[in-house]
Structures are given as structure tokens and as C-alpha cells.
């Protein structure tokens, strides 16, 4: 893709997101996020857990509070009004002049015995509350550009700027991405961006070359960068911690990065760097809450809020949709064991199989590798001269996609949008072959169907009390089967290393 074409597509993607950003979005979540932004800005961080239904880890409120402050700065009548909280996140503002504003706007506003006005500039406020998700869409696009153009995640033959632009465009023009972030306004791109960066950085270390590929072969810098770098493991740990503390959906990737650090050569040093990076980021994110006097509350809520909606499936078309959605996941299901325990146990078994099979494969390959130091040195030199082929980066992305997809399909408490994090990793692999392109298409269609079939703006059922029409029920079953088949195929594909076919062909291919 030429630079001029890319600029045109980039401009159009910004324009489309700008238009979609002003639409109402997914009503319940948009209302919540606006209330969180307003109350944290109006009454401070210390009140966010008492005055709202905030149930996210700490990062998100740090992102939306400045938006609330900006909105109050544009509308001093709201900033100076007294506020009363109703059910859930309903907020009523009353000015000194006796004017009453209500958020969200009641449907019977005109016929209310006490006329209430909608929030001034509410459509702009909607766009602003969606802005973090829109911004991180472009962070993911930039990360994909880097992974493909500089880290060769699409393979050495496609390690070029043109391929990086194609990867970015694939992401920015994906209808499922546009629906989730620009139209609905959900913040899934934020934790997904941090997870992608963490995996990309870890893969760069395992591929054994500089992040930018600029270190000359044979130089001291080149030799230093060819070894596992504690500094990069530190960055990977910090990025993953930011993702987890934005949304716990990134947490299943923690075992993957620890496993990669152990098998990457540095072992304890790399694991320590990962943990240290994660600890520093966690400390930085919790400091504002500690200064506000609610540090202990924020830390406690990180775990207790995981069970805020303790249902088998919260409109997620996964395994539990077949067994019955919106049921209490903590109730006994099988021999007194809850659905939640069954789901998590099965997930852990599958991840153990996945990483265990890769570990055995790697051990066998290491045992069969040439023992001569001269052969190893010749292999390293050949790899350095031609550049990294991105095998380890692509392998880690494949494992991350599979783990995320399995977690969505097997675990309880999943929502209709929680398949989102699979898409960046599959986009980072799309140029590796037809199977990866089809997996990206299949996962995108699965997410899109799951979102569309529960879109309240389209009159679709979006809560436990909303009955399913016959055609929606049939469509959701088809969607669930489609997603299940996609997850199954992705898991089987990830059992085999991307670079496994290259072993024994006379070239050195650093792999997991």
C-alpha cells in the first residue's frame, strides 16, 4: 500500500469514527461512563466508589476523569449545580436558578410534572466519553504497523513499510472494531492495546534483535541486543499490568508472558524484570487513590468487582449460552461444583496443554540442535545478516489469540464484546498465510454477530428480562456455533509452532 493511499484511508477512518462517535452508543454503558466522569470530576476520586457504580480497575477512571473535568469546564451551570444520585447512575443536577438537568434524559421528559432538561452538550459529551477507545484504536494500528513493518510478524518477506500500512488499515477498517469502539463506545481497545504491546515487546526479545533493527551486526550493541533484555521484559510487564488494571480480561496472558520469559533464556532475570515492571505500573496507578484516602478500597474492589455480574453468560455467545445465559455462575452445577469453577478449571487445563506441548516441542528441538559452538555462532550470524523472521513474535501472538479466545468461550461472566481482544493478535498474523486471514475474518464475524444480536438501538434483547424472538434465538445459536468452531480451529492451530516447519532446513530460526 502506497503512502498516499494509506493517508486517504487513514483520513476516512478518522472521519467515520468522528461520525459514529456522536451517535448515542450502547446506552447503559455510555450512561455509566458519563456518570463516572462527572462524579469523579465534581466530587473527587475519594467519592467515586460511593457515588457511582464504578466497577473497573483504576486505570479507566484516571482516563475519564479529565473528560468529566473538561465537560464541567465547558458547562459551569452543571459544575456549580447541586447533584442528587438516583437509581444506578441516574444523576439529577439542580442549579441555583431552579433549573433541573437529568442524566440520562427520561423518555417522558416533556410530560413530567417537574420538567427536566437533558445535559447541555450531551452529544459532544458522548463523543468525548468514547474518545479514549477511539484513541487506542489508533494505538493498536500503530502497534500493528510496528509489528509487521519492523518486527516481521507477517514474515521476513513482508517486513516492509507497505505491509505495515496494510495491517494498520485492516484494523482501522474492521467492521467489528468500528461497531465496538466507535459506534458502541466500549473501551475494549484500551486493554487490548496494552496486551498487544506486551506480547509484541516480549516477542521482540525472543526474536533476538533490536526493537528497531538498527544495531549493526557484530557490534557490541548488536551483541547486547541479541540477548534477552531485562529492560524490555520490564516494559512488557508494565504494559501487561496496565492492560490488567484497565480490564481483567488481559490477566489470562500473564502465564503466557511468564512462560515466554522462562523459555526465552534469561529465566529468573526476565521473570523478575516482568514482575518489577508490573509492580511499578500498579503502584503508579494506585497512588492517586492512595492520596485520595481510598487506596485500600480501590485495591479491595479490584477483586470484589469481578463478581458484580455473576452470570454464566452476559449475552456472550459462548459455551454457557448453550447451557443457559444469565444464570448465577456460583450456583452448584455438577457434583456441587459451580459453573464458574468448571469454566476456570477447564480453561487452566487447556492453557496447560497448550504451553506444555510447546515446551516439550522446544525441548526436543533444543536437544536435536547442533552442539558445536561454531555451528551455533554460524546460525546466529546467518540470522542476524538476513534479519529476524519474526517467528517468535508471531508465535507469541498466536498463543495470545488462542488463550484469549478460549477464555472467552469457556469462562463464565463473559459479555458480548469480550471476544474483542482476539482481533489485534490475529491481525498481527494475517499476512502469514490464508489460514490466519480466515481466522481473522471468522473471529471478526463472530464478534460482529454477537454485538449486533444484542444491540438495544436495533431493538435486540440486551438484558436478562428481554425475551428472545424465534429468529434472534436461531441466529444466536448459529453465532455461538460459528464462534465455537473458530475458537476450536484457532486452538488447534496454536498447538503447532509457526516456525516448526522451518526446523532442520539448515537455517537458524529462533523460536519458542
Protein backbone atom coordinates (compact mmCIF):
# COMPACT_ATOMS: atom_id res chain seq x y z
CA UNK A 1 0.00 0.00 0.00
CA UNK A 2 1.43 3.38 -1.02
CA UNK A 3 1.85 6.21 1.43
CA UNK A 4 -0.72 8.40 -0.35
CA UNK A 5 -3.36 5.63 -0.33
CA UNK A 6 -2.68 4.99 3.33
CA UNK A 7 -3.14 8.67 4.16
CA UNK A 8 -6.51 8.71 2.37
CA UNK A 9 -7.71 5.59 4.21
CA UNK A 10 -6.41 6.98 7.49
CA UNK A 11 -8.32 10.22 6.95
CA UNK A 12 -11.51 8.33 6.07
CA UNK A 13 -11.19 6.10 9.14
CA UNK A 14 -10.87 9.20 11.32
CA UNK A 15 -13.90 10.73 9.61
CA UNK A 16 -16.02 7.59 10.07
CA UNK A 17 -15.06 7.38 13.73
CA UNK A 18 -15.91 11.05 14.13
CA UNK A 19 -19.40 10.49 12.73
CA UNK A 20 -20.05 7.31 14.71
CA UNK A 21 -18.65 8.88 17.85
CA UNK A 22 -21.56 11.33 18.10
CA UNK A 23 -24.18 8.54 17.96
CA UNK A 24 -25.76 7.52 21.29
CA UNK A 25 -23.75 4.29 21.53
CA UNK A 26 -24.50 1.41 23.87
CA UNK A 27 -26.86 3.28 26.20
CA UNK A 28 -26.34 1.60 29.60
CA UNK A 29 -22.55 1.70 29.39
CA UNK A 30 -22.40 5.24 27.99
CA UNK A 31 -24.62 6.43 30.84
CA UNK A 32 -22.38 4.74 33.38
CA UNK A 33 -19.16 6.14 31.93
CA UNK A 34 -20.58 9.67 31.83
CA UNK A 35 -21.66 9.41 35.46
CA UNK A 36 -18.23 8.11 36.48
CA UNK A 37 -16.56 11.00 34.67
CA UNK A 38 -18.91 13.63 36.15
CA UNK A 39 -18.84 12.46 39.74
CA UNK A 40 -15.09 11.85 39.89
CA UNK A 41 -14.53 15.34 38.45
CA UNK A 42 -17.16 17.04 40.60
CA UNK A 43 -16.58 15.35 43.96
CA UNK A 44 -13.09 13.88 43.63
CA UNK A 45 -11.50 10.45 43.48
CA UNK A 46 -12.44 9.67 47.07
CA UNK A 47 -16.14 9.60 46.17
CA UNK A 48 -16.06 7.52 43.01
CA UNK A 49 -16.81 4.22 44.78
CA UNK A 50 -19.58 5.74 46.90
CA UNK A 51 -21.38 7.98 44.41
CA UNK A 52 -21.32 5.77 41.28
CA UNK A 53 -21.46 2.14 40.25
CA UNK A 54 -17.81 2.23 39.14
CA UNK A 55 -16.64 -1.40 38.85
CA UNK A 56 -13.49 -1.15 36.72
CA UNK A 57 -9.84 -1.35 37.85
CA UNK A 58 -8.12 2.02 38.48
CA UNK A 59 -6.84 2.96 35.01
CA UNK A 60 -10.19 3.72 33.40
CA UNK A 61 -11.32 6.29 35.94
CA UNK A 62 -7.96 8.05 35.51
CA UNK A 63 -8.78 8.32 31.80
CA UNK A 64 -12.39 9.50 32.06
CA UNK A 65 -12.00 11.91 34.98
CA UNK A 66 -10.21 14.52 32.79
CA UNK A 67 -13.12 14.19 30.35
CA UNK A 68 -15.54 14.99 33.16
CA UNK A 69 -13.42 17.98 34.17
CA UNK A 70 -13.37 19.22 30.56
CA UNK A 71 -17.15 18.88 30.31
CA UNK A 72 -17.72 20.76 33.59
CA UNK A 73 -15.35 23.45 32.38
CA UNK A 74 -17.49 23.90 29.26
CA UNK A 75 -20.71 23.91 31.30
CA UNK A 76 -20.27 25.81 34.58
CA UNK A 77 -24.02 25.57 35.24
CA UNK A 78 -23.51 21.83 35.81
CA UNK A 79 -20.25 22.33 37.70
CA UNK A 80 -21.95 24.70 40.18
CA UNK A 81 -25.24 22.79 40.48
CA UNK A 82 -26.17 20.57 43.39
CA UNK A 83 -26.31 16.90 42.46
CA UNK A 84 -28.57 14.09 43.60
CA UNK A 85 -27.98 10.49 42.67
CA UNK A 86 -30.92 8.28 41.77
CA UNK A 87 -31.07 4.58 40.98
CA UNK A 88 -27.92 3.20 39.43
CA UNK A 89 -26.08 6.04 37.75
CA UNK A 90 -29.02 8.43 37.33
CA UNK A 91 -27.86 11.95 38.22
CA UNK A 92 -30.08 14.99 38.77
CA UNK A 93 -28.47 18.45 38.78
CA UNK A 94 -30.30 21.50 40.15
CA UNK A 95 -28.90 24.96 39.54
CA UNK A 96 -29.26 27.99 41.81
CA UNK A 97 -31.80 29.34 39.30
CA UNK A 98 -34.01 26.29 39.86
CA UNK A 99 -33.26 24.64 36.50
CA UNK A 100 -33.09 20.84 36.72
CA UNK A 101 -30.97 18.67 34.45
CA UNK A 102 -31.29 14.90 34.44
CA UNK A 103 -28.87 12.28 33.17
CA UNK A 104 -29.91 10.14 31.44
CA UNK A 105 -32.78 12.02 29.86
CA UNK A 106 -36.14 10.39 30.74
CA UNK A 107 -38.29 9.31 27.82
CA UNK A 108 -41.30 11.18 29.22
CA UNK A 109 -39.37 14.39 29.66
CA UNK A 110 -41.96 16.68 28.08
CA UNK A 111 -44.83 15.33 30.18
CA UNK A 112 -43.01 15.20 33.50
CA UNK A 113 -44.77 17.07 36.36
CA UNK A 114 -41.39 18.63 37.11
CA UNK A 115 -39.84 19.42 33.71
CA UNK A 116 -36.22 18.31 33.47
CA UNK A 117 -33.71 19.18 30.82
CA UNK A 118 -31.12 16.88 29.24
CA UNK A 119 -27.49 17.62 29.94
CA UNK A 120 -26.28 20.52 27.79
CA UNK A 121 -23.94 19.45 25.01
CA UNK A 122 -24.80 15.80 25.59
CA UNK A 123 -23.85 14.65 22.08
CA UNK A 124 -20.40 16.18 22.40
CA UNK A 125 -20.14 14.60 25.84
CA UNK A 126 -20.93 11.23 24.24
CA UNK A 127 -18.10 11.71 21.75
CA UNK A 128 -15.69 12.73 24.50
CA UNK A 129 -16.55 9.69 26.61
CA UNK A 130 -15.86 7.48 23.57
CA UNK A 131 -12.61 9.30 22.81
CA UNK A 132 -10.23 7.08 24.85
CA UNK A 133 -11.45 3.99 22.98
CA UNK A 134 -11.16 5.81 19.65
CA UNK A 135 -7.65 6.95 20.51
CA UNK A 136 -6.48 3.48 21.45
CA UNK A 137 -7.85 2.15 18.17
CA UNK A 138 -5.03 4.12 16.57
CA UNK A 139 -2.56 2.95 19.20
CA UNK A 140 -3.34 -0.62 18.14
CA UNK A 141 -2.99 0.37 14.48
CA UNK A 142 0.43 1.88 15.21
CA UNK A 143 1.48 -1.22 17.17
CA UNK A 144 0.41 -3.46 14.27
CA UNK A 145 2.36 -1.26 11.85
CA UNK A 146 5.46 -1.69 14.05
CA UNK A 147 5.00 -5.45 14.45
CA UNK A 148 4.61 -6.06 10.73
CA UNK A 149 6.98 -3.48 9.24
CA UNK A 150 9.80 -3.76 11.79
CA UNK A 151 9.26 -7.00 13.74
CA UNK A 152 8.26 -9.16 10.75
CA UNK A 153 5.19 -10.68 12.37
CA UNK A 154 3.90 -11.32 8.81
CA UNK A 155 7.20 -12.97 7.88
CA UNK A 156 10.56 -11.72 6.66
CA UNK A 157 9.42 -11.37 3.04
CA UNK A 158 6.70 -8.92 4.16
CA UNK A 159 8.89 -6.95 6.53
CA UNK A 160 8.29 -3.63 4.80
CA UNK A 161 6.52 -0.35 5.42
CA UNK A 162 3.85 -1.13 2.83
CA UNK A 163 2.81 -4.29 4.69
CA UNK A 164 2.74 -2.36 7.96
CA UNK A 165 0.30 0.09 6.43
CA UNK A 166 -1.92 -2.76 5.23
CA UNK A 167 -2.00 -4.22 8.75
CA UNK A 168 -2.99 -0.86 10.22
CA UNK A 169 -5.74 -0.45 7.61
CA UNK A 170 -7.05 -3.97 8.28
CA UNK A 171 -7.53 -2.95 11.88
CA UNK A 172 -8.96 0.52 11.34
CA UNK A 173 -11.46 -0.70 8.72
CA UNK A 174 -12.59 -3.84 10.55
CA UNK A 175 -16.41 -3.54 10.94
CA UNK A 176 -16.36 -5.37 14.29
CA UNK A 177 -13.82 -2.87 15.64
CA UNK A 178 -15.85 0.09 14.39
CA UNK A 179 -19.01 -1.33 15.95
CA UNK A 180 -17.41 -1.97 19.34
CA UNK A 181 -15.41 1.23 19.84
CA UNK A 182 -16.75 3.96 17.54
CA UNK A 183 -20.45 3.05 17.50
CA UNK A 184 -21.00 1.45 20.91
CA UNK A 185 -18.18 3.36 22.59
CA UNK A 186 -16.87 0.45 24.64
CA UNK A 187 -13.28 0.77 25.94
CA UNK A 188 -12.08 -2.66 24.76
CA UNK A 189 -9.33 -1.18 22.60
CA UNK A 190 -7.53 0.15 25.70
CA UNK A 191 -6.66 -3.08 27.47
CA UNK A 192 -6.23 -4.79 24.08
CA UNK A 193 -3.61 -2.22 23.06
CA UNK A 194 -1.57 -2.77 26.21
CA UNK A 195 -1.83 -6.56 25.82
CA UNK A 196 -0.68 -6.35 22.19
CA UNK A 197 2.27 -4.14 23.16
CA UNK A 198 3.27 -6.52 25.95
CA UNK A 199 3.23 -9.53 23.64
CA UNK A 200 4.99 -7.60 20.85
CA UNK A 201 7.81 -6.48 23.15
CA UNK A 202 8.25 -10.00 24.55
CA UNK A 203 8.32 -11.42 21.03
CA UNK A 204 10.97 -8.89 20.05
CA UNK A 205 13.19 -10.12 22.86
CA UNK A 206 12.73 -13.75 21.85
CA UNK A 207 13.46 -12.95 18.21
CA UNK A 208 16.87 -11.83 19.43
CA UNK A 209 17.30 -8.43 17.81
CA UNK A 210 16.84 -4.75 18.48
CA UNK A 211 13.38 -3.25 18.58
CA UNK A 212 14.20 -1.09 15.59
CA UNK A 213 16.60 -3.50 13.91
CA UNK A 214 19.24 -0.78 13.71
CA UNK A 215 22.09 -2.38 15.68
CA UNK A 216 24.94 -3.28 13.28
CA UNK A 217 25.87 -6.94 13.04
CA UNK A 218 28.93 -7.80 15.12
CA UNK A 219 28.88 -4.57 17.13
CA UNK A 220 28.80 -4.51 20.90
CA UNK A 221 25.31 -3.02 20.72
CA UNK A 222 24.18 -5.69 18.33
CA UNK A 223 25.50 -8.48 20.52
CA UNK A 224 23.91 -6.94 23.61
CA UNK A 225 20.55 -6.54 21.91
CA UNK A 226 20.60 -10.10 20.61
CA UNK A 227 20.29 -11.38 24.18
CA UNK A 228 17.14 -11.30 26.31
CA UNK A 229 16.94 -7.80 27.69
CA UNK A 230 15.76 -7.15 31.22
CA UNK A 231 14.78 -3.65 30.18
CA UNK A 232 12.39 -4.96 27.54
CA UNK A 233 10.92 -7.58 29.87
CA UNK A 234 10.36 -4.72 32.31
CA UNK A 235 8.43 -2.82 29.62
CA UNK A 236 6.43 -5.92 28.72
CA UNK A 237 5.47 -6.46 32.34
CA UNK A 238 4.46 -2.83 32.72
CA UNK A 239 2.34 -2.90 29.56
CA UNK A 240 0.54 -6.06 30.60
CA UNK A 241 -0.08 -4.67 34.10
CA UNK A 242 -1.64 -1.57 32.54
CA UNK A 243 -3.90 -3.82 30.49
CA UNK A 244 -4.95 -5.89 33.51
CA UNK A 245 -5.58 -2.75 35.57
CA UNK A 246 -7.71 -1.38 32.77
CA UNK A 247 -9.74 -4.58 32.41
CA UNK A 248 -9.00 -8.03 33.92
CA UNK A 249 -9.58 -9.66 30.52
CA UNK A 250 -5.83 -9.18 29.94
CA UNK A 251 -4.97 -11.27 33.03
CA UNK A 252 -5.08 -14.68 31.23
CA UNK A 253 -1.97 -13.57 29.30
CA UNK A 254 0.12 -13.35 32.49
CA UNK A 255 1.05 -17.09 32.41
CA UNK A 256 1.98 -16.72 28.73
CA UNK A 257 4.48 -13.94 29.36
CA UNK A 258 5.96 -15.71 32.39
CA UNK A 259 6.31 -18.87 30.31
CA UNK A 260 7.93 -16.89 27.48
CA UNK A 261 10.36 -15.25 29.89
CA UNK A 262 11.38 -18.63 31.34
CA UNK A 263 11.90 -20.22 27.93
CA UNK A 264 13.49 -17.09 26.48
CA UNK A 265 16.85 -17.73 28.08
CA UNK A 266 17.07 -15.16 30.88
CA UNK A 267 14.72 -17.15 33.13
CA UNK A 268 14.74 -15.68 36.65
CA UNK A 269 16.18 -12.40 35.48
CA UNK A 270 13.44 -11.97 32.89
CA UNK A 271 10.69 -13.07 35.27
CA UNK A 272 11.94 -10.63 37.89
CA UNK A 273 12.01 -7.82 35.31
CA UNK A 274 8.44 -8.69 34.27
CA UNK A 275 7.25 -8.61 37.86
CA UNK A 276 9.13 -5.41 38.65
CA UNK A 277 7.66 -3.62 35.62
CA UNK A 278 4.17 -4.76 36.58
CA UNK A 279 4.67 -3.64 40.18
CA UNK A 280 5.87 -0.17 39.18
CA UNK A 281 2.86 0.40 36.89
CA UNK A 282 0.43 -0.93 39.51
CA UNK A 283 1.93 1.37 42.14
CA UNK A 284 1.68 4.37 39.82
CA UNK A 285 -1.98 3.65 39.02
CA UNK A 286 -2.99 3.18 42.65
CA UNK A 287 -1.13 6.21 44.02
CA UNK A 288 -3.93 8.70 43.11
CA UNK A 289 -6.39 6.55 45.06
CA UNK A 290 -4.00 6.32 47.99
CA UNK A 291 -3.56 10.10 48.04
CA UNK A 292 -7.36 10.43 47.98
CA UNK A 293 -7.62 8.15 51.01
CA UNK A 294 -9.32 5.24 49.21
CA UNK A 295 -6.28 3.15 48.27
CA UNK A 296 -7.39 0.13 50.32
CA UNK A 297 -10.92 0.39 48.95
CA UNK A 298 -9.65 0.56 45.36
CA UNK A 299 -7.43 -2.49 45.88
CA UNK A 300 -10.22 -4.45 47.55
CA UNK A 301 -12.68 -3.56 44.81
CA UNK A 302 -10.27 -4.87 42.17
CA UNK A 303 -11.17 -8.40 43.29
CA UNK A 304 -14.70 -7.99 44.62
CA UNK A 305 -15.93 -6.27 41.43
CA UNK A 306 -15.04 -9.34 39.39
CA UNK A 307 -18.29 -10.82 40.66
CA UNK A 308 -20.51 -7.77 40.10
CA UNK A 309 -22.41 -9.61 37.35
CA UNK A 310 -22.01 -13.27 38.42
CA UNK A 311 -23.80 -14.85 35.49
CA UNK A 312 -22.92 -17.76 33.26
CA UNK A 313 -23.15 -15.65 30.11
CA UNK A 314 -23.96 -11.94 29.96
CA UNK A 315 -25.07 -12.13 26.32
CA UNK A 316 -21.78 -13.77 25.31
CA UNK A 317 -22.26 -16.38 22.59
CA UNK A 318 -20.00 -18.94 24.23
CA UNK A 319 -20.33 -22.38 25.76
CA UNK A 320 -22.57 -21.10 28.56
CA UNK A 321 -25.00 -19.55 26.12
CA UNK A 322 -25.89 -23.11 25.13
CA UNK A 323 -26.27 -24.20 28.77
CA UNK A 324 -28.33 -21.15 29.70
CA UNK A 325 -27.36 -17.48 29.93
CA UNK A 326 -27.97 -15.07 32.79
CA UNK A 327 -27.87 -17.84 35.41
CA UNK A 328 -25.91 -17.47 38.63
CA UNK A 329 -22.46 -18.85 37.84
CA UNK A 330 -21.76 -19.51 41.52
CA UNK A 331 -24.68 -21.93 41.97
CA UNK A 332 -23.84 -25.66 42.07
CA UNK A 333 -23.84 -27.15 38.59
CA UNK A 334 -22.13 -30.53 38.55
CA UNK A 335 -21.48 -32.62 41.71
CA UNK A 336 -21.79 -29.44 43.76
CA UNK A 337 -19.21 -27.58 41.62
CA UNK A 338 -20.24 -24.19 40.24
CA UNK A 339 -20.22 -23.21 36.57
CA UNK A 340 -17.58 -20.62 37.37
CA UNK A 341 -15.23 -23.26 38.78
CA UNK A 342 -15.88 -25.62 35.88
CA UNK A 343 -15.12 -22.86 33.38
CA UNK A 344 -11.91 -21.66 35.05
CA UNK A 345 -10.65 -25.21 35.65
CA UNK A 346 -11.24 -26.18 32.03
CA UNK A 347 -9.52 -23.02 30.86
CA UNK A 348 -6.45 -23.73 33.02
CA UNK A 349 -6.27 -27.30 31.72
CA UNK A 350 -6.38 -26.12 28.10
CA UNK A 351 -3.72 -23.46 28.70
CA UNK A 352 -1.53 -26.05 30.41
CA UNK A 353 -1.92 -28.36 27.41
CA UNK A 354 -1.12 -25.52 25.04
CA UNK A 355 2.00 -24.24 26.78
CA UNK A 356 3.08 -27.73 27.86
CA UNK A 357 3.01 -29.05 24.29
CA UNK A 358 5.07 -26.06 23.14
CA UNK A 359 7.58 -26.59 25.95
CA UNK A 360 8.06 -30.26 25.03
CA UNK A 361 8.46 -29.35 21.36
CA UNK A 362 11.06 -26.74 22.20
CA UNK A 363 12.99 -29.11 24.48
CA UNK A 364 13.15 -31.76 21.75
CA UNK A 365 14.31 -29.21 19.22
CA UNK A 366 16.99 -27.93 21.59
CA UNK A 367 18.22 -31.49 22.16
CA UNK A 368 18.45 -32.07 18.41
CA UNK A 369 20.17 -28.76 17.70
CA UNK A 370 23.90 -28.74 16.77
CA UNK A 371 26.05 -28.87 19.90
CA UNK A 372 29.03 -27.22 18.26
CA UNK A 373 29.60 -23.63 19.35
CA UNK A 374 30.86 -22.92 15.83
CA UNK A 375 27.57 -24.15 14.34
CA UNK A 376 25.57 -22.08 16.81
CA UNK A 377 27.65 -19.00 16.09
CA UNK A 378 27.24 -19.55 12.33
CA UNK A 379 23.47 -19.86 12.80
CA UNK A 380 23.27 -16.67 14.86
CA UNK A 381 25.33 -14.78 12.29
CA UNK A 382 23.17 -16.03 9.41
CA UNK A 383 20.02 -14.96 11.27
CA UNK A 384 21.46 -11.54 12.06
CA UNK A 385 22.58 -10.97 8.48
CA UNK A 386 19.17 -11.64 6.99
CA UNK A 387 17.22 -10.07 9.87
CA UNK A 388 14.73 -11.56 12.28
CA UNK A 389 11.95 -13.52 10.59
CA UNK A 390 9.52 -12.63 13.39
CA UNK A 391 8.78 -16.26 14.20
CA UNK A 392 8.80 -15.80 17.96
CA UNK A 393 6.75 -12.61 17.77
CA UNK A 394 4.19 -14.35 15.56
CA UNK A 395 4.18 -17.44 17.79
CA UNK A 396 3.50 -15.37 20.90
CA UNK A 397 0.72 -13.50 19.08
CA UNK A 398 -0.82 -16.82 18.04
CA UNK A 399 -0.68 -18.15 21.60
CA UNK A 400 -2.15 -14.90 22.95
CA UNK A 401 -5.00 -15.04 20.44
CA UNK A 402 -5.75 -18.66 21.32
CA UNK A 403 -5.65 -18.10 25.09
CA UNK A 404 -7.91 -15.05 24.83
CA UNK A 405 -10.38 -16.89 22.59
CA UNK A 406 -10.51 -19.96 24.82
CA UNK A 407 -11.02 -17.76 27.88
CA UNK A 408 -13.99 -16.10 26.18
CA UNK A 409 -15.60 -19.35 25.13
CA UNK A 410 -15.01 -21.42 28.28
CA UNK A 411 -15.29 -18.94 31.15
CA UNK A 412 -18.43 -17.56 32.78
CA UNK A 413 -19.16 -13.84 33.37
CA UNK A 414 -18.38 -13.05 29.70
CA UNK A 415 -20.15 -10.20 27.86
CA UNK A 416 -20.96 -9.98 24.16
CA UNK A 417 -17.93 -7.74 23.49
CA UNK A 418 -15.30 -9.77 25.32
CA UNK A 419 -14.04 -11.56 22.19
CA UNK A 420 -12.56 -8.23 21.07
CA UNK A 421 -9.01 -8.81 22.38
CA UNK A 422 -8.51 -11.72 19.99
CA UNK A 423 -8.67 -9.46 16.93
CA UNK A 424 -5.42 -7.45 17.34
CA UNK A 425 -3.36 -10.64 17.67
CA UNK A 426 -4.98 -12.24 14.63
CA UNK A 427 -4.43 -9.04 12.64
CA UNK A 428 -0.74 -9.25 13.57
CA UNK A 429 -0.73 -12.70 11.91
CA UNK A 430 -2.99 -12.07 8.91
CA UNK A 431 -0.14 -11.82 6.40
CA UNK A 432 1.40 -15.14 7.47
CA UNK A 433 -0.93 -17.22 5.35
CA UNK A 434 -4.50 -17.91 4.29
CA UNK A 435 -5.41 -19.78 7.48
CA UNK A 436 -4.63 -16.75 9.61
CA UNK A 437 -6.59 -14.44 7.32
CA UNK A 438 -9.60 -16.75 7.53
CA UNK A 439 -9.27 -16.94 11.31
CA UNK A 440 -9.28 -13.13 11.48
CA UNK A 441 -12.36 -12.96 9.24
CA UNK A 442 -14.14 -15.68 11.24
CA UNK A 443 -13.38 -14.07 14.62
CA UNK A 444 -14.44 -10.65 13.34
CA UNK A 445 -17.75 -12.01 12.04
CA UNK A 446 -18.30 -13.85 15.32
CA UNK A 447 -17.78 -10.71 17.38
CA UNK A 448 -19.88 -8.62 14.99
CA UNK A 449 -22.80 -11.05 15.12
CA UNK A 450 -22.61 -11.21 18.92
CA UNK A 451 -22.71 -7.40 19.15
CA UNK A 452 -25.46 -6.89 16.56
CA UNK A 453 -27.75 -9.52 18.06
CA UNK A 454 -27.74 -7.67 21.39
CA UNK A 455 -27.81 -4.07 20.20
CA UNK A 456 -30.59 -2.21 22.06
CA UNK A 457 -30.53 0.51 19.39
CA UNK A 458 -31.72 -2.13 16.92
CA UNK A 459 -34.40 -3.40 19.28
CA UNK A 460 -32.41 -6.51 20.16
CA UNK A 461 -32.55 -8.18 23.61
CA UNK A 462 -29.87 -6.69 25.84
CA UNK A 463 -30.83 -7.85 29.35
CA UNK A 464 -31.89 -10.93 31.25
CA UNK A 465 -35.53 -9.79 31.17
CA UNK A 466 -35.63 -9.28 27.41
CA UNK A 467 -37.22 -12.31 25.70
CA UNK A 468 -35.65 -13.70 22.54
CA UNK A 469 -37.74 -13.82 19.40
CA UNK A 470 -37.53 -17.03 17.41
CA UNK A 471 -35.28 -15.62 14.73
CA UNK A 472 -32.94 -13.97 17.25
CA UNK A 473 -32.74 -17.26 19.15
CA UNK A 474 -31.84 -19.17 15.99
CA UNK A 475 -29.35 -16.50 14.90
CA UNK A 476 -27.67 -16.51 18.32
CA UNK A 477 -27.30 -20.31 18.18
CA UNK A 478 -25.70 -20.04 14.75
CA UNK A 479 -23.42 -17.29 16.06
CA UNK A 480 -22.41 -19.43 19.04
CA UNK A 481 -21.63 -22.41 16.79
CA UNK A 482 -19.60 -20.15 14.50
CA UNK A 483 -17.60 -18.70 17.38
CA UNK A 484 -17.09 -22.17 18.89
CA UNK A 485 -15.76 -23.54 15.61
CA UNK A 486 -13.46 -20.51 15.23
CA UNK A 487 -12.09 -20.89 18.75
CA UNK A 488 -11.57 -24.62 18.26
CA UNK A 489 -9.72 -24.14 14.97
CA UNK A 490 -7.60 -21.37 16.49
CA UNK A 491 -6.67 -23.58 19.45
CA UNK A 492 -5.68 -26.49 17.19
CA UNK A 493 -3.64 -24.14 15.02
CA UNK A 494 -1.82 -22.74 18.06
CA UNK A 495 -0.71 -26.22 19.18
CA UNK A 496 1.82 -26.13 16.33
CA UNK A 497 4.59 -23.55 16.26
CA UNK A 498 4.54 -21.24 13.25
CA UNK A 499 8.27 -21.85 12.72
CA UNK A 500 8.14 -25.60 13.28
CA UNK A 501 8.22 -26.43 9.57
CA UNK A 502 11.46 -24.49 9.24
CA UNK A 503 13.39 -26.63 11.72
CA UNK A 504 16.06 -28.76 10.13
CA UNK A 505 16.25 -26.87 6.82
CA UNK A 506 19.75 -25.59 7.50
CA UNK A 507 18.81 -22.10 8.69
CA UNK A 508 18.70 -20.74 12.18
CA UNK A 509 15.16 -19.79 13.21
CA UNK A 510 14.86 -18.58 16.80
CA UNK A 511 11.60 -19.94 18.10
CA UNK A 512 9.76 -20.61 21.35
